[in-house]
Amino acid sequence: MSNEPYTQGDQGAESEEILRLPYPNKKEGEMFGIADQLLGASRIKIMCADGKSRMGRIPGKIKKRMWIREGDLVIVRPWDFQEDKCDVLYRYTKTQASHLSRKKVLPKNLDIF
């Protein structure tokens, strides 16, 4: 046994894992959006892929797990009964957003990565 301290990042380059990114489900009306302005009280103004600006609600399970900042790429689902409001379902990291941009998955009006 060696006396060198074990570090978590010491597994080597061959232990690279592949993660699958979630995509918006078009059948359920989900779409990409960009966080435009933080309004407080779990509300955020989002520019959606269809060109509309909506008031987004951040559910508690997402609010506790990941922070959403201005400029983040998110998946949103517009409400059935109020078209100008939506729920935030997922937030992409900057690395994931740039990967989606390179793969040409993002719409042209949201491709700022």
N, C-alpha and C. Protein backbone atom coordinates (compact mmCIF):
# COMPACT_ATOMS: atom_id res chain seq x y z
N MET A 1 0.84 -1.17 0.00
CA MET A 1 0.00 0.00 0.00
C MET A 1 0.89 1.23 0.00
N SER A 2 0.57 2.21 -0.85
CA SER A 2 1.40 3.40 -0.94
C SER A 2 0.95 4.45 0.07
N ASN A 3 1.83 5.37 0.35
CA ASN A 3 1.53 6.43 1.30
C ASN A 3 0.93 7.66 0.62
N GLU A 4 0.72 7.60 -0.69
CA GLU A 4 0.17 8.74 -1.40
C GLU A 4 -1.32 8.88 -1.07
N PRO A 5 -1.77 10.11 -0.90
CA PRO A 5 -3.20 10.30 -0.61
C PRO A 5 -4.05 9.99 -1.84
N TYR A 6 -5.18 9.40 -1.60
CA TYR A 6 -6.10 9.05 -2.68
C TYR A 6 -6.94 10.27 -3.02
N THR A 7 -6.97 10.62 -4.30
CA THR A 7 -7.84 11.71 -4.73
C THR A 7 -8.92 11.15 -5.62
N GLN A 8 -10.06 11.77 -5.59
CA GLN A 8 -11.20 11.26 -6.33
C GLN A 8 -11.00 11.34 -7.83
N GLY A 9 -10.27 12.32 -8.32
CA GLY A 9 -10.07 12.49 -9.75
C GLY A 9 -8.92 11.67 -10.30
N ASP A 10 -8.45 10.69 -9.56
CA ASP A 10 -7.27 9.92 -9.94
C ASP A 10 -7.61 8.63 -10.68
N GLN A 11 -8.80 8.46 -11.19
CA GLN A 11 -9.18 7.21 -11.83
C GLN A 11 -8.59 7.06 -13.22
N GLY A 12 -8.20 8.13 -13.86
CA GLY A 12 -7.62 8.05 -15.20
C GLY A 12 -8.62 8.48 -16.26
N ALA A 13 -8.12 8.62 -17.48
CA ALA A 13 -8.94 9.13 -18.58
C ALA A 13 -9.89 8.06 -19.12
N GLU A 14 -9.59 6.79 -18.90
CA GLU A 14 -10.44 5.74 -19.46
C GLU A 14 -11.75 5.58 -18.71
N SER A 15 -11.92 6.24 -17.57
CA SER A 15 -13.16 6.12 -16.82
C SER A 15 -14.16 7.22 -17.18
N GLU A 16 -14.06 7.74 -18.39
CA GLU A 16 -14.98 8.78 -18.85
C GLU A 16 -16.35 8.16 -19.09
N GLU A 17 -17.38 8.74 -18.49
CA GLU A 17 -18.72 8.17 -18.64
C GLU A 17 -19.55 9.02 -19.59
N ILE A 18 -20.48 8.39 -20.26
CA ILE A 18 -21.33 9.07 -21.22
C ILE A 18 -22.69 9.31 -20.57
N LEU A 19 -23.13 10.56 -20.58
CA LEU A 19 -24.41 10.91 -19.99
C LEU A 19 -25.38 11.30 -21.09
N ARG A 20 -26.63 10.94 -20.94
CA ARG A 20 -27.66 11.31 -21.91
C ARG A 20 -28.34 12.58 -21.43
N LEU A 21 -28.50 13.51 -22.37
CA LEU A 21 -29.16 14.76 -22.05
C LEU A 21 -30.65 14.65 -22.31
N PRO A 22 -31.47 15.19 -21.44
CA PRO A 22 -32.92 15.20 -21.72
C PRO A 22 -33.25 16.24 -22.78
N TYR A 23 -34.18 15.90 -23.66
CA TYR A 23 -34.66 16.79 -24.70
C TYR A 23 -36.11 17.14 -24.41
N PRO A 24 -36.58 18.27 -24.91
CA PRO A 24 -38.00 18.61 -24.72
C PRO A 24 -38.91 17.63 -25.46
N ASN A 25 -39.99 17.22 -24.82
CA ASN A 25 -40.97 16.32 -25.43
C ASN A 25 -41.99 17.17 -26.18
N LYS A 26 -41.88 17.19 -27.50
CA LYS A 26 -42.75 18.05 -28.33
C LYS A 26 -44.21 17.63 -28.22
N LYS A 27 -44.47 16.34 -27.97
CA LYS A 27 -45.86 15.87 -27.86
C LYS A 27 -46.57 16.49 -26.66
N GLU A 28 -45.82 16.78 -25.61
CA GLU A 28 -46.41 17.38 -24.41
C GLU A 28 -46.28 18.90 -24.40
N GLY A 29 -45.79 19.47 -25.50
CA GLY A 29 -45.68 20.92 -25.60
C GLY A 29 -44.43 21.51 -24.98
N GLU A 30 -43.46 20.68 -24.61
CA GLU A 30 -42.24 21.19 -23.99
C GLU A 30 -41.35 21.82 -25.06
N MET A 31 -40.54 22.80 -24.64
CA MET A 31 -39.64 23.48 -25.57
C MET A 31 -38.45 24.05 -24.83
N PHE A 32 -37.43 24.45 -25.60
CA PHE A 32 -36.27 25.11 -25.03
C PHE A 32 -36.63 26.55 -24.68
N GLY A 33 -35.89 27.11 -23.73
CA GLY A 33 -36.05 28.51 -23.37
C GLY A 33 -34.77 29.01 -22.73
N ILE A 34 -34.62 30.33 -22.70
CA ILE A 34 -33.46 30.94 -22.06
C ILE A 34 -33.95 31.84 -20.94
N ALA A 35 -33.36 31.69 -19.76
CA ALA A 35 -33.71 32.51 -18.61
C ALA A 35 -33.30 33.95 -18.90
N ASP A 36 -34.27 34.84 -18.92
CA ASP A 36 -34.04 36.22 -19.32
C ASP A 36 -33.84 37.14 -18.12
N GLN A 37 -34.71 37.00 -17.12
CA GLN A 37 -34.66 37.90 -15.98
C GLN A 37 -35.21 37.19 -14.75
N LEU A 38 -34.47 37.27 -13.64
CA LEU A 38 -34.94 36.70 -12.38
C LEU A 38 -35.85 37.71 -11.70
N LEU A 39 -37.04 37.27 -11.31
CA LEU A 39 -38.03 38.18 -10.74
C LEU A 39 -38.24 37.97 -9.25
N GLY A 40 -37.73 36.91 -8.68
CA GLY A 40 -37.94 36.62 -7.26
C GLY A 40 -39.18 35.79 -7.04
N ALA A 41 -39.30 35.23 -5.84
CA ALA A 41 -40.45 34.40 -5.46
C ALA A 41 -40.64 33.23 -6.41
N SER A 42 -39.54 32.59 -6.80
CA SER A 42 -39.55 31.42 -7.69
C SER A 42 -40.15 31.72 -9.06
N ARG A 43 -40.02 32.96 -9.50
CA ARG A 43 -40.52 33.36 -10.82
C ARG A 43 -39.34 33.84 -11.66
N ILE A 44 -39.45 33.62 -12.97
CA ILE A 44 -38.39 33.99 -13.89
C ILE A 44 -38.99 34.29 -15.25
N LYS A 45 -38.49 35.30 -15.92
CA LYS A 45 -38.95 35.63 -17.27
C LYS A 45 -38.10 34.82 -18.24
N ILE A 46 -38.76 34.10 -19.15
CA ILE A 46 -38.09 33.17 -20.06
C ILE A 46 -38.44 33.50 -21.50
N MET A 47 -37.41 33.56 -22.37
CA MET A 47 -37.63 33.70 -23.80
C MET A 47 -37.68 32.28 -24.37
N CYS A 48 -38.84 31.91 -24.90
CA CYS A 48 -39.07 30.54 -25.36
C CYS A 48 -38.71 30.37 -26.84
N ALA A 49 -38.63 29.11 -27.27
CA ALA A 49 -38.24 28.78 -28.64
C ALA A 49 -39.25 29.25 -29.67
N ASP A 50 -40.51 29.43 -29.27
CA ASP A 50 -41.52 29.88 -30.23
C ASP A 50 -41.56 31.41 -30.36
N GLY A 51 -40.61 32.10 -29.71
CA GLY A 51 -40.51 33.54 -29.83
C GLY A 51 -41.27 34.33 -28.78
N LYS A 52 -42.03 33.67 -27.94
CA LYS A 52 -42.81 34.36 -26.91
C LYS A 52 -41.99 34.48 -25.62
N SER A 53 -42.24 35.54 -24.89
CA SER A 53 -41.65 35.72 -23.58
C SER A 53 -42.69 35.31 -22.55
N ARG A 54 -42.33 34.36 -21.68
CA ARG A 54 -43.28 33.83 -20.71
C ARG A 54 -42.76 34.02 -19.28
N MET A 55 -43.70 34.04 -18.36
CA MET A 55 -43.39 34.05 -16.94
C MET A 55 -43.23 32.60 -16.51
N GLY A 56 -42.04 32.22 -16.05
CA GLY A 56 -41.78 30.85 -15.65
C GLY A 56 -41.85 30.67 -14.16
N ARG A 57 -42.35 29.52 -13.75
CA ARG A 57 -42.43 29.16 -12.33
C ARG A 57 -41.41 28.06 -12.09
N ILE A 58 -40.57 28.23 -11.07
CA ILE A 58 -39.58 27.21 -10.73
C ILE A 58 -40.18 26.35 -9.63
N PRO A 59 -40.48 25.07 -9.91
CA PRO A 59 -41.04 24.18 -8.88
C PRO A 59 -40.03 23.93 -7.75
N GLY A 60 -40.55 23.56 -6.59
CA GLY A 60 -39.71 23.35 -5.42
C GLY A 60 -38.64 22.29 -5.61
N LYS A 61 -38.95 21.22 -6.33
CA LYS A 61 -37.96 20.14 -6.47
C LYS A 61 -36.78 20.58 -7.32
N ILE A 62 -36.98 21.52 -8.24
CA ILE A 62 -35.87 22.05 -9.03
C ILE A 62 -35.16 23.15 -8.27
N LYS A 63 -35.92 23.97 -7.56
CA LYS A 63 -35.35 25.09 -6.82
C LYS A 63 -34.36 24.60 -5.76
N LYS A 64 -34.66 23.47 -5.16
CA LYS A 64 -33.78 22.94 -4.12
C LYS A 64 -32.55 22.25 -4.70
N ARG A 65 -32.69 21.69 -5.90
CA ARG A 65 -31.61 20.91 -6.50
C ARG A 65 -30.61 21.74 -7.29
N MET A 66 -31.10 22.67 -8.11
CA MET A 66 -30.21 23.43 -8.98
C MET A 66 -30.65 24.89 -9.04
N TRP A 67 -29.68 25.77 -9.07
CA TRP A 67 -29.97 27.19 -9.15
C TRP A 67 -30.07 27.59 -10.61
N ILE A 68 -31.01 28.46 -10.92
CA ILE A 68 -31.17 28.95 -12.28
C ILE A 68 -30.74 30.41 -12.30
N ARG A 69 -29.85 30.74 -13.25
CA ARG A 69 -29.34 32.10 -13.39
C ARG A 69 -29.74 32.66 -14.75
N GLU A 70 -29.58 33.96 -14.93
CA GLU A 70 -29.87 34.59 -16.22
C GLU A 70 -28.94 34.03 -17.28
N GLY A 71 -29.48 33.73 -18.44
CA GLY A 71 -28.69 33.19 -19.54
C GLY A 71 -28.64 31.68 -19.58
N ASP A 72 -29.24 30.99 -18.62
CA ASP A 72 -29.24 29.53 -18.61
C ASP A 72 -30.24 28.98 -19.62
N LEU A 73 -29.89 27.86 -20.23
CA LEU A 73 -30.79 27.15 -21.14
C LEU A 73 -31.65 26.20 -20.31
N VAL A 74 -32.96 26.25 -20.51
CA VAL A 74 -33.90 25.45 -19.72
C VAL A 74 -34.91 24.77 -20.64
N ILE A 75 -35.57 23.75 -20.11
CA ILE A 75 -36.73 23.14 -20.77
C ILE A 75 -37.96 23.64 -20.03
N VAL A 76 -38.93 24.15 -20.78
CA VAL A 76 -40.15 24.66 -20.17
C VAL A 76 -41.37 23.98 -20.79
N ARG A 77 -42.47 23.97 -20.02
CA ARG A 77 -43.76 23.47 -20.52
C ARG A 77 -44.80 24.56 -20.27
N PRO A 78 -45.33 25.18 -21.35
CA PRO A 78 -46.37 26.20 -21.17
C PRO A 78 -47.62 25.60 -20.53
N TRP A 79 -48.31 26.43 -19.77
CA TRP A 79 -49.55 26.00 -19.13
C TRP A 79 -50.64 25.85 -20.18
N ASP A 80 -51.56 24.91 -19.94
CA ASP A 80 -52.67 24.68 -20.87
C ASP A 80 -53.68 25.83 -20.83
N PHE A 81 -53.91 26.39 -19.66
CA PHE A 81 -54.97 27.37 -19.49
C PHE A 81 -54.49 28.81 -19.54
N GLN A 82 -53.17 29.05 -19.42
CA GLN A 82 -52.61 30.39 -19.56
C GLN A 82 -51.35 30.27 -20.41
N GLU A 83 -51.43 30.72 -21.64
CA GLU A 83 -50.35 30.52 -22.60
C GLU A 83 -49.13 31.40 -22.30
N ASP A 84 -49.29 32.45 -21.49
CA ASP A 84 -48.16 33.33 -21.21
C ASP A 84 -47.39 32.93 -19.95
N LYS A 85 -47.70 31.75 -19.38
CA LYS A 85 -46.97 31.25 -18.22
C LYS A 85 -46.49 29.83 -18.50
N CYS A 86 -45.43 29.42 -17.77
CA CYS A 86 -44.87 28.08 -18.00
C CYS A 86 -44.20 27.58 -16.73
N ASP A 87 -43.90 26.28 -16.73
CA ASP A 87 -43.14 25.65 -15.66
C ASP A 87 -41.75 25.29 -16.18
N VAL A 88 -40.73 25.49 -15.35
CA VAL A 88 -39.37 25.09 -15.70
C VAL A 88 -39.21 23.63 -15.31
N LEU A 89 -38.77 22.79 -16.26
CA LEU A 89 -38.63 21.36 -16.00
C LEU A 89 -37.18 20.93 -15.80
N TYR A 90 -36.24 21.59 -16.49
CA TYR A 90 -34.84 21.17 -16.41
C TYR A 90 -33.94 22.34 -16.77
N ARG A 91 -32.77 22.42 -16.15
CA ARG A 91 -31.76 23.42 -16.49
C ARG A 91 -30.51 22.72 -16.98
N TYR A 92 -30.00 23.16 -18.13
CA TYR A 92 -28.76 22.63 -18.67
C TYR A 92 -27.58 23.42 -18.11
N THR A 93 -26.45 22.73 -17.91
CA THR A 93 -25.22 23.41 -17.53
C THR A 93 -24.65 24.09 -18.77
N LYS A 94 -23.65 24.94 -18.58
CA LYS A 94 -23.03 25.63 -19.72
C LYS A 94 -22.40 24.63 -20.68
N THR A 95 -21.78 23.59 -20.15
CA THR A 95 -21.16 22.57 -20.99
C THR A 95 -22.20 21.83 -21.80
N GLN A 96 -23.31 21.46 -21.18
CA GLN A 96 -24.38 20.77 -21.89
C GLN A 96 -24.99 21.66 -22.96
N ALA A 97 -25.18 22.95 -22.65
CA ALA A 97 -25.76 23.88 -23.61
C ALA A 97 -24.85 24.07 -24.82
N SER A 98 -23.55 24.16 -24.60
CA SER A 98 -22.63 24.31 -25.73
C SER A 98 -22.58 23.03 -26.55
N HIS A 99 -22.74 21.88 -25.91
CA HIS A 99 -22.79 20.60 -26.64
C HIS A 99 -24.03 20.56 -27.54
N LEU A 100 -25.18 20.98 -27.02
CA LEU A 100 -26.41 21.03 -27.83
C LEU A 100 -26.27 22.02 -28.98
N SER A 101 -25.56 23.11 -28.74
CA SER A 101 -25.35 24.10 -29.79
C SER A 101 -24.47 23.54 -30.91
N ARG A 102 -23.43 22.81 -30.53
CA ARG A 102 -22.56 22.19 -31.54
C ARG A 102 -23.27 21.12 -32.34
N LYS A 103 -24.22 20.41 -31.70
CA LYS A 103 -24.98 19.36 -32.39
C LYS A 103 -26.14 19.93 -33.21
N LYS A 104 -26.31 21.27 -33.20
CA LYS A 104 -27.37 21.96 -33.96
C LYS A 104 -28.77 21.53 -33.52
N VAL A 105 -28.95 21.30 -32.22
CA VAL A 105 -30.25 20.90 -31.67
C VAL A 105 -31.08 22.14 -31.31
N LEU A 106 -30.41 23.22 -30.93
CA LEU A 106 -31.11 24.42 -30.48
C LEU A 106 -31.70 25.20 -31.66
N PRO A 107 -32.86 25.84 -31.47
CA PRO A 107 -33.40 26.71 -32.52
C PRO A 107 -32.49 27.93 -32.73
N LYS A 108 -32.57 28.54 -33.89
CA LYS A 108 -31.69 29.66 -34.24
C LYS A 108 -31.86 30.85 -33.29
N ASN A 109 -33.09 31.14 -32.86
CA ASN A 109 -33.30 32.31 -32.01
C ASN A 109 -32.79 32.10 -30.58
N LEU A 110 -32.46 30.86 -30.19
CA LEU A 110 -31.94 30.59 -28.85
C LEU A 110 -30.48 30.18 -28.85
N ASP A 111 -29.86 30.09 -30.01
CA ASP A 111 -28.49 29.56 -30.10
C ASP A 111 -27.49 30.67 -29.78
N ILE A 112 -27.27 30.93 -28.49
CA ILE A 112 -26.31 31.94 -28.07
C ILE A 112 -25.09 31.30 -27.42
N PHE A 113 -24.99 29.99 -27.49
CA PHE A 113 -23.88 29.29 -26.86
C PHE A 113 -22.89 28.96 -27.91
